[in-house]
Structure formats: structure tokens, C-alpha cells
């Protein structure tokens, strides 16, 4: 495993992710080659490999908070989805 000590959300972070299947994309990968989801993933990855850039995606306030506070994201997810509140 290679560990990169870079800030999440930085240009370097996006450059490392470009052209790769990350956790968020895994569902599209296993959807099956005949699905639109899979084909869109292949198109996106191909473009990222060629350009070296990731297309911007939608984010909201909750996503931003979990993005910048990954240690808190599991707790927040439990709170939002299941009503569990942890200290």
C-alpha cells in the first residue's frame, strides 16, 4: 500500500485520484458491464487518464463537513441515517 501524506481536497489529492476507482465509485464498477452506470464510470476514468483531471461533482453542507472531518463522518452518518447520537 502506498500512503500519500497530502491534504484531502487539495490539487495533489485530486491528481492522485484521477483515473482510479475509489470507494465512491466501487458501486458503479460492480454494476455490470452492460449498465449505464458502469459505462459512465469507464468514460469518466478514461477522460481522467487523458486529462489528468477529475470532473467536479455535487456537494452539499453535510458532505463538505464529512469530507473535511473524516474521523467524524461515521458518527455523523449514524446520526443522520439512524438517529444514533454518539459522544
PDB file of N, CA and C in Angstrom:
ATOM      1  N   UNK A   1       0.835  -1.162   0.000  1.00  0.00           N
ATOM      2  CA  UNK A   1       0.000   0.000   0.000  1.00  0.00           C
ATOM      3  C   UNK A   1       0.890   1.238   0.000  1.00  0.00           C
ATOM      4  N   UNK A   2       0.476   2.226  -0.773  1.00  0.00           N
ATOM      5  CA  UNK A   2       1.192   3.498  -0.816  1.00  0.00           C
ATOM      6  C   UNK A   2       0.386   4.516  -0.026  1.00  0.00           C
ATOM      7  N   UNK A   3       1.020   5.195   0.898  1.00  0.00           N
ATOM      8  CA  UNK A   3       0.360   6.221   1.694  1.00  0.00           C
ATOM      9  C   UNK A   3       0.880   7.576   1.246  1.00  0.00           C
ATOM     10  N   UNK A   4      -0.039   8.458   0.879  1.00  0.00           N
ATOM     11  CA  UNK A   4       0.313   9.814   0.461  1.00  0.00           C
ATOM     12  C   UNK A   4      -0.058  10.768   1.584  1.00  0.00           C
ATOM     13  N   UNK A   5       0.887  11.528   2.059  1.00  0.00           N
ATOM     14  CA  UNK A   5       0.632  12.484   3.126  1.00  0.00           C
ATOM     15  C   UNK A   5       0.313  13.844   2.506  1.00  0.00           C
ATOM     16  N   UNK A   6      -0.930  13.967   2.016  1.00  0.00           N
ATOM     17  CA  UNK A   6      -1.377  15.220   1.392  1.00  0.00           C
ATOM     18  C   UNK A   6      -2.744  15.592   1.927  1.00  0.00           C
ATOM     19  N   UNK A   7      -3.073  16.853   1.800  1.00  0.00           N
ATOM     20  CA  UNK A   7      -4.342  17.351   2.315  1.00  0.00           C
ATOM     21  C   UNK A   7      -5.494  16.891   1.429  1.00  0.00           C
ATOM     22  N   UNK A   8      -6.528  16.332   2.069  1.00  0.00           N
ATOM     23  CA  UNK A   8      -7.720  15.910   1.341  1.00  0.00           C
ATOM     24  C   UNK A   8      -8.366  17.127   0.695  1.00  0.00           C
ATOM     25  N   UNK A   9      -8.679  17.000  -0.592  1.00  0.00           N
ATOM     26  CA  UNK A   9      -9.305  18.094  -1.326  1.00  0.00           C
ATOM     27  C   UNK A   9      -8.323  19.007  -2.039  1.00  0.00           C
ATOM     28  N   UNK A  10      -7.024  18.785  -1.831  1.00  0.00           N
ATOM     29  CA  UNK A  10      -6.020  19.622  -2.492  1.00  0.00           C
ATOM     30  C   UNK A  10      -5.863  19.198  -3.951  1.00  0.00           C
ATOM     31  N   UNK A  11      -5.181  20.019  -4.734  1.00  0.00           N
ATOM     32  CA  UNK A  11      -4.935  19.674  -6.139  1.00  0.00           C
ATOM     33  C   UNK A  11      -4.157  18.360  -6.248  1.00  0.00           C
ATOM     34  N   UNK A  12      -3.198  18.167  -5.363  1.00  0.00           N
ATOM     35  CA  UNK A  12      -2.414  16.930  -5.378  1.00  0.00           C
ATOM     36  C   UNK A  12      -3.292  15.718  -5.079  1.00  0.00           C
ATOM     37  N   UNK A  13      -4.225  15.872  -4.165  1.00  0.00           N
ATOM     38  CA  UNK A  13      -5.144  14.793  -3.805  1.00  0.00           C
ATOM     39  C   UNK A  13      -6.006  14.402  -5.002  1.00  0.00           C
ATOM     40  N   UNK A  14      -6.563  15.405  -5.694  1.00  0.00           N
ATOM     41  CA  UNK A  14      -7.378  15.117  -6.873  1.00  0.00           C
ATOM     42  C   UNK A  14      -6.538  14.493  -7.986  1.00  0.00           C
ATOM     43  N   UNK A  15      -5.297  14.932  -8.126  1.00  0.00           N
ATOM     44  CA  UNK A  15      -4.425  14.380  -9.169  1.00  0.00           C
ATOM     45  C   UNK A  15      -4.144  12.900  -8.916  1.00  0.00           C
ATOM     46  N   UNK A  16      -3.965  12.520  -7.668  1.00  0.00           N
ATOM     47  CA  UNK A  16      -3.707  11.117  -7.334  1.00  0.00           C
ATOM     48  C   UNK A  16      -4.951  10.264  -7.582  1.00  0.00           C
ATOM     49  N   UNK A  17      -6.135  10.816  -7.327  1.00  0.00           N
ATOM     50  CA  UNK A  17      -7.381  10.072  -7.519  1.00  0.00           C
ATOM     51  C   UNK A  17      -7.787   9.941  -8.984  1.00  0.00           C
ATOM     52  N   UNK A  18      -7.302  10.818  -9.833  1.00  0.00           N
ATOM     53  CA  UNK A  18      -7.716  10.830 -11.240  1.00  0.00           C
ATOM     54  C   UNK A  18      -7.410   9.489 -11.905  1.00  0.00           C
ATOM     55  N   UNK A  19      -8.407   8.952 -12.595  1.00  0.00           N
ATOM     56  CA  UNK A  19      -8.226   7.714 -13.336  1.00  0.00           C
ATOM     57  C   UNK A  19      -8.276   6.451 -12.504  1.00  0.00           C
ATOM     58  N   UNK A  20      -8.698   6.567 -11.243  1.00  0.00           N
ATOM     59  CA  UNK A  20      -8.737   5.402 -10.357  1.00  0.00           C
ATOM     60  C   UNK A  20     -10.155   5.139  -9.858  1.00  0.00           C
ATOM     61  N   UNK A  21     -10.416   3.890  -9.533  1.00  0.00           N
ATOM     62  CA  UNK A  21     -11.691   3.523  -8.917  1.00  0.00           C
ATOM     63  C   UNK A  21     -11.516   3.684  -7.417  1.00  0.00           C
ATOM     64  N   UNK A  22     -12.223   4.639  -6.850  1.00  0.00           N
ATOM     65  CA  UNK A  22     -12.166   4.893  -5.417  1.00  0.00           C
ATOM     66  C   UNK A  22     -13.394   4.275  -4.758  1.00  0.00           C
ATOM     67  N   UNK A  23     -13.486   4.366  -3.459  1.00  0.00           N
ATOM     68  CA  UNK A  23     -14.610   3.772  -2.740  1.00  0.00           C
ATOM     69  C   UNK A  23     -15.960   4.246  -3.233  1.00  0.00           C
ATOM     70  N   UNK A  24     -16.066   5.514  -3.532  1.00  0.00           N
ATOM     71  CA  UNK A  24     -17.326   6.072  -4.014  1.00  0.00           C
ATOM     72  C   UNK A  24     -17.733   5.464  -5.344  1.00  0.00           C
ATOM     73  N   UNK A  25     -16.786   5.094  -6.152  1.00  0.00           N
ATOM     74  CA  UNK A  25     -17.057   4.578  -7.491  1.00  0.00           C
ATOM     75  C   UNK A  25     -17.224   3.056  -7.539  1.00  0.00           C
ATOM     76  N   UNK A  26     -16.966   2.388  -6.447  1.00  0.00           N
ATOM     77  CA  UNK A  26     -16.968   0.934  -6.466  1.00  0.00           C
ATOM     78  C   UNK A  26     -18.319   0.364  -6.887  1.00  0.00           C
ATOM     79  N   UNK A  27     -19.388   0.983  -6.438  1.00  0.00           N
ATOM     80  CA  UNK A  27     -20.731   0.507  -6.785  1.00  0.00           C
ATOM     81  C   UNK A  27     -20.920   0.487  -8.306  1.00  0.00           C
ATOM     82  N   UNK A  28     -20.429   1.497  -8.990  1.00  0.00           N
ATOM     83  CA  UNK A  28     -20.529   1.548 -10.450  1.00  0.00           C
ATOM     84  C   UNK A  28     -19.686   0.455 -11.095  1.00  0.00           C
ATOM     85  N   UNK A  29     -18.559   0.156 -10.498  1.00  0.00           N
ATOM     86  CA  UNK A  29     -17.667  -0.868 -11.039  1.00  0.00           C
ATOM     87  C   UNK A  29     -18.320  -2.246 -11.021  1.00  0.00           C
ATOM     88  N   UNK A  30     -19.025  -2.550  -9.953  1.00  0.00           N
ATOM     89  CA  UNK A  30     -19.634  -3.872  -9.824  1.00  0.00           C
ATOM     90  C   UNK A  30     -21.058  -3.932 -10.380  1.00  0.00           C
ATOM     91  N   UNK A  31     -21.531  -2.848 -10.960  1.00  0.00           N
ATOM     92  CA  UNK A  31     -22.898  -2.812 -11.501  1.00  0.00           C
ATOM     93  C   UNK A  31     -23.062  -3.726 -12.707  1.00  0.00           C
ATOM     94  N   UNK A  32     -21.990  -4.026 -13.395  1.00  0.00           N
ATOM     95  CA  UNK A  32     -22.065  -4.889 -14.571  1.00  0.00           C
ATOM     96  C   UNK A  32     -21.754  -4.105 -15.830  1.00  0.00           C
ATOM     97  N   UNK A  33     -21.016  -4.744 -16.721  1.00  0.00           N
ATOM     98  CA  UNK A  33     -20.534  -4.061 -17.921  1.00  0.00           C
ATOM     99  C   UNK A  33     -21.637  -3.551 -18.832  1.00  0.00           C
ATOM    100  N   UNK A  34     -22.817  -4.131 -18.768  1.00  0.00           N
ATOM    101  CA  UNK A  34     -23.898  -3.718 -19.670  1.00  0.00           C
ATOM    102  C   UNK A  34     -24.724  -2.549 -19.131  1.00  0.00           C
ATOM    103  N   UNK A  35     -24.428  -2.080 -17.898  1.00  0.00           N
ATOM    104  CA  UNK A  35     -25.225  -1.000 -17.307  1.00  0.00           C
ATOM    105  C   UNK A  35     -24.689   0.378 -17.692  1.00  0.00           C
ATOM    106  N   UNK A  36     -25.583   1.352 -17.693  1.00  0.00           N
ATOM    107  CA  UNK A  36     -25.191   2.735 -17.981  1.00  0.00           C
ATOM    108  C   UNK A  36     -24.237   3.253 -16.903  1.00  0.00           C
ATOM    109  N   UNK A  37     -24.453   2.833 -15.666  1.00  0.00           N
ATOM    110  CA  UNK A  37     -23.595   3.256 -14.552  1.00  0.00           C
ATOM    111  C   UNK A  37     -22.150   2.841 -14.795  1.00  0.00           C
ATOM    112  N   UNK A  38     -21.951   1.607 -15.202  1.00  0.00           N
ATOM    113  CA  UNK A  38     -20.611   1.087 -15.478  1.00  0.00           C
ATOM    114  C   UNK A  38     -19.994   1.826 -16.664  1.00  0.00           C
ATOM    115  N   UNK A  39     -20.780   2.012 -17.719  1.00  0.00           N
ATOM    116  CA  UNK A  39     -20.264   2.682 -18.918  1.00  0.00           C
ATOM    117  C   UNK A  39     -19.878   4.125 -18.616  1.00  0.00           C
ATOM    118  N   UNK A  40     -20.673   4.804 -17.793  1.00  0.00           N
ATOM    119  CA  UNK A  40     -20.337   6.171 -17.384  1.00  0.00           C
ATOM    120  C   UNK A  40     -19.028   6.199 -16.595  1.00  0.00           C
ATOM    121  N   UNK A  41     -18.838   5.205 -15.722  1.00  0.00           N
ATOM    122  CA  UNK A  41     -17.596   5.115 -14.956  1.00  0.00           C
ATOM    123  C   UNK A  41     -16.399   4.954 -15.882  1.00  0.00           C
ATOM    124  N   UNK A  42     -16.519   4.063 -16.854  1.00  0.00           N
ATOM    125  CA  UNK A  42     -15.416   3.844 -17.801  1.00  0.00           C
ATOM    126  C   UNK A  42     -15.120   5.130 -18.571  1.00  0.00           C
ATOM    127  N   UNK A  43     -16.166   5.835 -19.001  1.00  0.00           N
ATOM    128  CA  UNK A  43     -15.979   7.108 -19.702  1.00  0.00           C
ATOM    129  C   UNK A  43     -15.263   8.122 -18.812  1.00  0.00           C
ATOM    130  N   UNK A  44     -15.712   8.232 -17.558  1.00  0.00           N
ATOM    131  CA  UNK A  44     -15.108   9.193 -16.628  1.00  0.00           C
ATOM    132  C   UNK A  44     -13.630   8.875 -16.391  1.00  0.00           C
ATOM    133  N   UNK A  45     -13.336   7.607 -16.132  1.00  0.00           N
ATOM    134  CA  UNK A  45     -11.950   7.215 -15.860  1.00  0.00           C
ATOM    135  C   UNK A  45     -11.070   7.446 -17.085  1.00  0.00           C
ATOM    136  N   UNK A  46     -11.597   7.132 -18.264  1.00  0.00           N
ATOM    137  CA  UNK A  46     -10.841   7.354 -19.496  1.00  0.00           C
ATOM    138  C   UNK A  46     -10.493   8.832 -19.656  1.00  0.00           C
ATOM    139  N   UNK A  47     -11.483   9.704 -19.447  1.00  0.00           N
ATOM    140  CA  UNK A  47     -11.241  11.146 -19.560  1.00  0.00           C
ATOM    141  C   UNK A  47     -10.223  11.621 -18.524  1.00  0.00           C
ATOM    142  N   UNK A  48     -10.312  11.080 -17.307  1.00  0.00           N
ATOM    143  CA  UNK A  48      -9.377  11.477 -16.258  1.00  0.00           C
ATOM    144  C   UNK A  48      -7.955  11.044 -16.587  1.00  0.00           C
ATOM    145  N   UNK A  49      -7.801   9.866 -17.160  1.00  0.00           N
ATOM    146  CA  UNK A  49      -6.467   9.398 -17.534  1.00  0.00           C
ATOM    147  C   UNK A  49      -5.882  10.297 -18.619  1.00  0.00           C
ATOM    148  N   UNK A  50      -6.718  10.688 -19.572  1.00  0.00           N
ATOM    149  CA  UNK A  50      -6.257  11.534 -20.679  1.00  0.00           C
ATOM    150  C   UNK A  50      -5.931  12.950 -20.198  1.00  0.00           C
ATOM    151  N   UNK A  51      -6.827  13.532 -19.384  1.00  0.00           N
ATOM    152  CA  UNK A  51      -6.655  14.927 -18.969  1.00  0.00           C
ATOM    153  C   UNK A  51      -5.884  15.094 -17.661  1.00  0.00           C
ATOM    154  N   UNK A  52      -5.900  14.061 -16.826  1.00  0.00           N
ATOM    155  CA  UNK A  52      -5.285  14.166 -15.507  1.00  0.00           C
ATOM    156  C   UNK A  52      -6.124  14.939 -14.520  1.00  0.00           C
ATOM    157  N   UNK A  53      -7.384  15.202 -14.861  1.00  0.00           N
ATOM    158  CA  UNK A  53      -8.266  15.995 -14.000  1.00  0.00           C
ATOM    159  C   UNK A  53      -9.571  15.261 -13.745  1.00  0.00           C
ATOM    160  N   UNK A  54     -10.140  15.509 -12.555  1.00  0.00           N
ATOM    161  CA  UNK A  54     -11.421  14.935 -12.178  1.00  0.00           C
ATOM    162  C   UNK A  54     -12.504  15.993 -12.376  1.00  0.00           C
ATOM    163  N   UNK A  55     -13.626  15.577 -12.962  1.00  0.00           N
ATOM    164  CA  UNK A  55     -14.757  16.490 -13.153  1.00  0.00           C
ATOM    165  C   UNK A  55     -15.357  16.834 -11.795  1.00  0.00           C
ATOM    166  N   UNK A  56     -15.703  18.087 -11.599  1.00  0.00           N
ATOM    167  CA  UNK A  56     -16.310  18.495 -10.336  1.00  0.00           C
ATOM    168  C   UNK A  56     -17.651  17.813 -10.150  1.00  0.00           C
ATOM    169  N   UNK A  57     -17.955  17.463  -8.897  1.00  0.00           N
ATOM    170  CA  UNK A  57     -19.219  16.816  -8.586  1.00  0.00           C
ATOM    171  C   UNK A  57     -19.980  17.626  -7.556  1.00  0.00           C
ATOM    172  N   UNK A  58     -21.251  17.297  -7.400  1.00  0.00           N
ATOM    173  CA  UNK A  58     -22.128  17.981  -6.455  1.00  0.00           C
ATOM    174  C   UNK A  58     -21.707  17.688  -5.016  1.00  0.00           C
ATOM    175  N   UNK A  59     -21.711  18.714  -4.189  1.00  0.00           N
ATOM    176  CA  UNK A  59     -21.536  18.539  -2.744  1.00  0.00           C
ATOM    177  C   UNK A  59     -22.500  19.464  -2.019  1.00  0.00           C
ATOM    178  N   UNK A  60     -22.931  19.042  -0.840  1.00  0.00           N
ATOM    179  CA  UNK A  60     -23.767  19.903  -0.001  1.00  0.00           C
ATOM    180  C   UNK A  60     -23.049  20.119   1.334  1.00  0.00           C
ATOM    181  N   UNK A  61     -23.672  20.822   2.246  1.00  0.00           N
ATOM    182  CA  UNK A  61     -23.021  21.181   3.506  1.00  0.00           C
ATOM    183  C   UNK A  61     -22.628  19.959   4.330  1.00  0.00           C
ATOM    184  N   UNK A  62     -23.508  18.953   4.388  1.00  0.00           N
ATOM    185  CA  UNK A  62     -23.202  17.745   5.161  1.00  0.00           C
ATOM    186  C   UNK A  62     -22.031  17.005   4.533  1.00  0.00           C
ATOM    187  N   UNK A  63     -22.024  16.896   3.198  1.00  0.00           N
ATOM    188  CA  UNK A  63     -20.930  16.218   2.510  1.00  0.00           C
ATOM    189  C   UNK A  63     -19.615  16.952   2.761  1.00  0.00           C
ATOM    190  N   UNK A  64     -19.633  18.271   2.729  1.00  0.00           N
ATOM    191  CA  UNK A  64     -18.418  19.051   2.973  1.00  0.00           C
ATOM    192  C   UNK A  64     -17.885  18.797   4.375  1.00  0.00           C
ATOM    193  N   UNK A  65     -18.793  18.753   5.356  1.00  0.00           N
ATOM    194  CA  UNK A  65     -18.349  18.540   6.733  1.00  0.00           C
ATOM    195  C   UNK A  65     -17.710  17.166   6.879  1.00  0.00           C
ATOM    196  N   UNK A  66     -18.307  16.125   6.316  1.00  0.00           N
ATOM    197  CA  UNK A  66     -17.728  14.791   6.440  1.00  0.00           C
ATOM    198  C   UNK A  66     -16.461  14.675   5.613  1.00  0.00           C
ATOM    199  N   UNK A  67     -16.383  15.430   4.531  1.00  0.00           N
ATOM    200  CA  UNK A  67     -15.191  15.423   3.683  1.00  0.00           C
ATOM    201  C   UNK A  67     -13.993  15.953   4.456  1.00  0.00           C
ATOM    202  N   UNK A  68     -14.180  17.040   5.179  1.00  0.00           N
ATOM    203  CA  UNK A  68     -13.065  17.655   5.885  1.00  0.00           C
ATOM    204  C   UNK A  68     -12.831  17.062   7.265  1.00  0.00           C
ATOM    205  N   UNK A  69     -13.811  16.320   7.775  1.00  0.00           N
ATOM    206  CA  UNK A  69     -13.657  15.706   9.090  1.00  0.00           C
ATOM    207  C   UNK A  69     -13.902  14.202   8.982  1.00  0.00           C
ATOM    208  N   UNK A  70     -13.042  13.466   8.256  1.00  0.00           N
ATOM    209  CA  UNK A  70     -13.309  12.048   8.021  1.00  0.00           C
ATOM    210  C   UNK A  70     -13.451  11.222   9.286  1.00  0.00           C
ATOM    211  N   UNK A  71     -12.790  11.602  10.357  1.00  0.00           N
ATOM    212  CA  UNK A  71     -12.919  10.869  11.607  1.00  0.00           C
ATOM    213  C   UNK A  71     -14.307  10.981  12.209  1.00  0.00           C
ATOM    214  N   UNK A  72     -14.992  12.046  11.884  1.00  0.00           N
ATOM    215  CA  UNK A  72     -16.333  12.279  12.401  1.00  0.00           C
ATOM    216  C   UNK A  72     -17.420  11.779  11.460  1.00  0.00           C
ATOM    217  N   UNK A  73     -17.063  11.415  10.233  1.00  0.00           N
ATOM    218  CA  UNK A  73     -18.079  11.094   9.232  1.00  0.00           C
ATOM    219  C   UNK A  73     -18.916   9.876   9.593  1.00  0.00           C
ATOM    220  N   UNK A  74     -18.333   8.875  10.236  1.00  0.00           N
ATOM    221  CA  UNK A  74     -19.103   7.692  10.616  1.00  0.00           C
ATOM    222  C   UNK A  74     -20.118   8.060  11.685  1.00  0.00           C
ATOM    223  N   UNK A  75     -19.689   8.833  12.675  1.00  0.00           N
ATOM    224  CA  UNK A  75     -20.622   9.271  13.706  1.00  0.00           C
ATOM    225  C   UNK A  75     -21.757  10.077  13.101  1.00  0.00           C
ATOM    226  N   UNK A  76     -21.430  10.989  12.183  1.00  0.00           N
ATOM    227  CA  UNK A  76     -22.449  11.822  11.568  1.00  0.00           C
ATOM    228  C   UNK A  76     -23.413  10.974  10.745  1.00  0.00           C
ATOM    229  N   UNK A  77     -22.906  10.002  10.031  1.00  0.00           N
ATOM    230  CA  UNK A  77     -23.746   9.131   9.230  1.00  0.00           C
ATOM    231  C   UNK A  77     -24.727   8.370  10.117  1.00  0.00           C
ATOM    232  N   UNK A  78     -24.256   7.863  11.233  1.00  0.00           N
ATOM    233  CA  UNK A  78     -25.138   7.157  12.157  1.00  0.00           C
ATOM    234  C   UNK A  78     -26.215   8.084  12.701  1.00  0.00           C
ATOM    235  N   UNK A  79     -25.835   9.325  12.967  1.00  0.00           N
ATOM    236  CA  UNK A  79     -26.796  10.282  13.486  1.00  0.00           C
ATOM    237  C   UNK A  79     -27.871  10.609  12.455  1.00  0.00           C
ATOM    238  N   UNK A  80     -27.452  10.861  11.227  1.00  0.00           N
ATOM    239  CA  UNK A  80     -28.386  11.259  10.179  1.00  0.00           C
ATOM    240  C   UNK A  80     -29.268  10.097   9.745  1.00  0.00           C
ATOM    241  N   UNK A  81     -28.669   8.963   9.478  1.00  0.00           N
ATOM    242  CA  UNK A  81     -29.422   7.829   8.930  1.00  0.00           C
ATOM    243  C   UNK A  81     -30.224   7.052   9.955  1.00  0.00           C
ATOM    244  N   UNK A  82     -29.699   6.923  11.181  1.00  0.00           N
ATOM    245  CA  UNK A  82     -30.318   6.015  12.132  1.00  0.00           C
ATOM    246  C   UNK A  82     -30.742   6.664  13.450  1.00  0.00           C
ATOM    247  N   UNK A  83     -30.466   7.934  13.614  1.00  0.00           N
ATOM    248  CA  UNK A  83     -30.848   8.624  14.849  1.00  0.00           C
ATOM    249  C   UNK A  83     -29.978   8.302  16.040  1.00  0.00           C
ATOM    250  N   UNK A  84     -28.825   7.650  15.830  1.00  0.00           N
ATOM    251  CA  UNK A  84     -27.908   7.362  16.931  1.00  0.00           C
ATOM    252  C   UNK A  84     -27.056   8.605  17.207  1.00  0.00           C
ATOM    253  N   UNK A  85     -26.913   8.941  18.472  1.00  0.00           N
ATOM    254  CA  UNK A  85     -26.064  10.068  18.825  1.00  0.00           C
ATOM    255  C   UNK A  85     -24.945   9.580  19.734  1.00  0.00           C
ATOM    256  N   UNK A  86     -23.721   9.743  19.259  1.00  0.00           N
ATOM    257  CA  UNK A  86     -22.553   9.274  19.983  1.00  0.00           C
ATOM    258  C   UNK A  86     -21.724  10.446  20.478  1.00  0.00           C
ATOM    259  N   UNK A  87     -21.105  10.305  21.619  1.00  0.00           N
ATOM    260  CA  UNK A  87     -20.219  11.352  22.144  1.00  0.00           C
ATOM    261  C   UNK A  87     -18.820  11.149  21.662  1.00  0.00           C
TER     262      UNK A  87
END
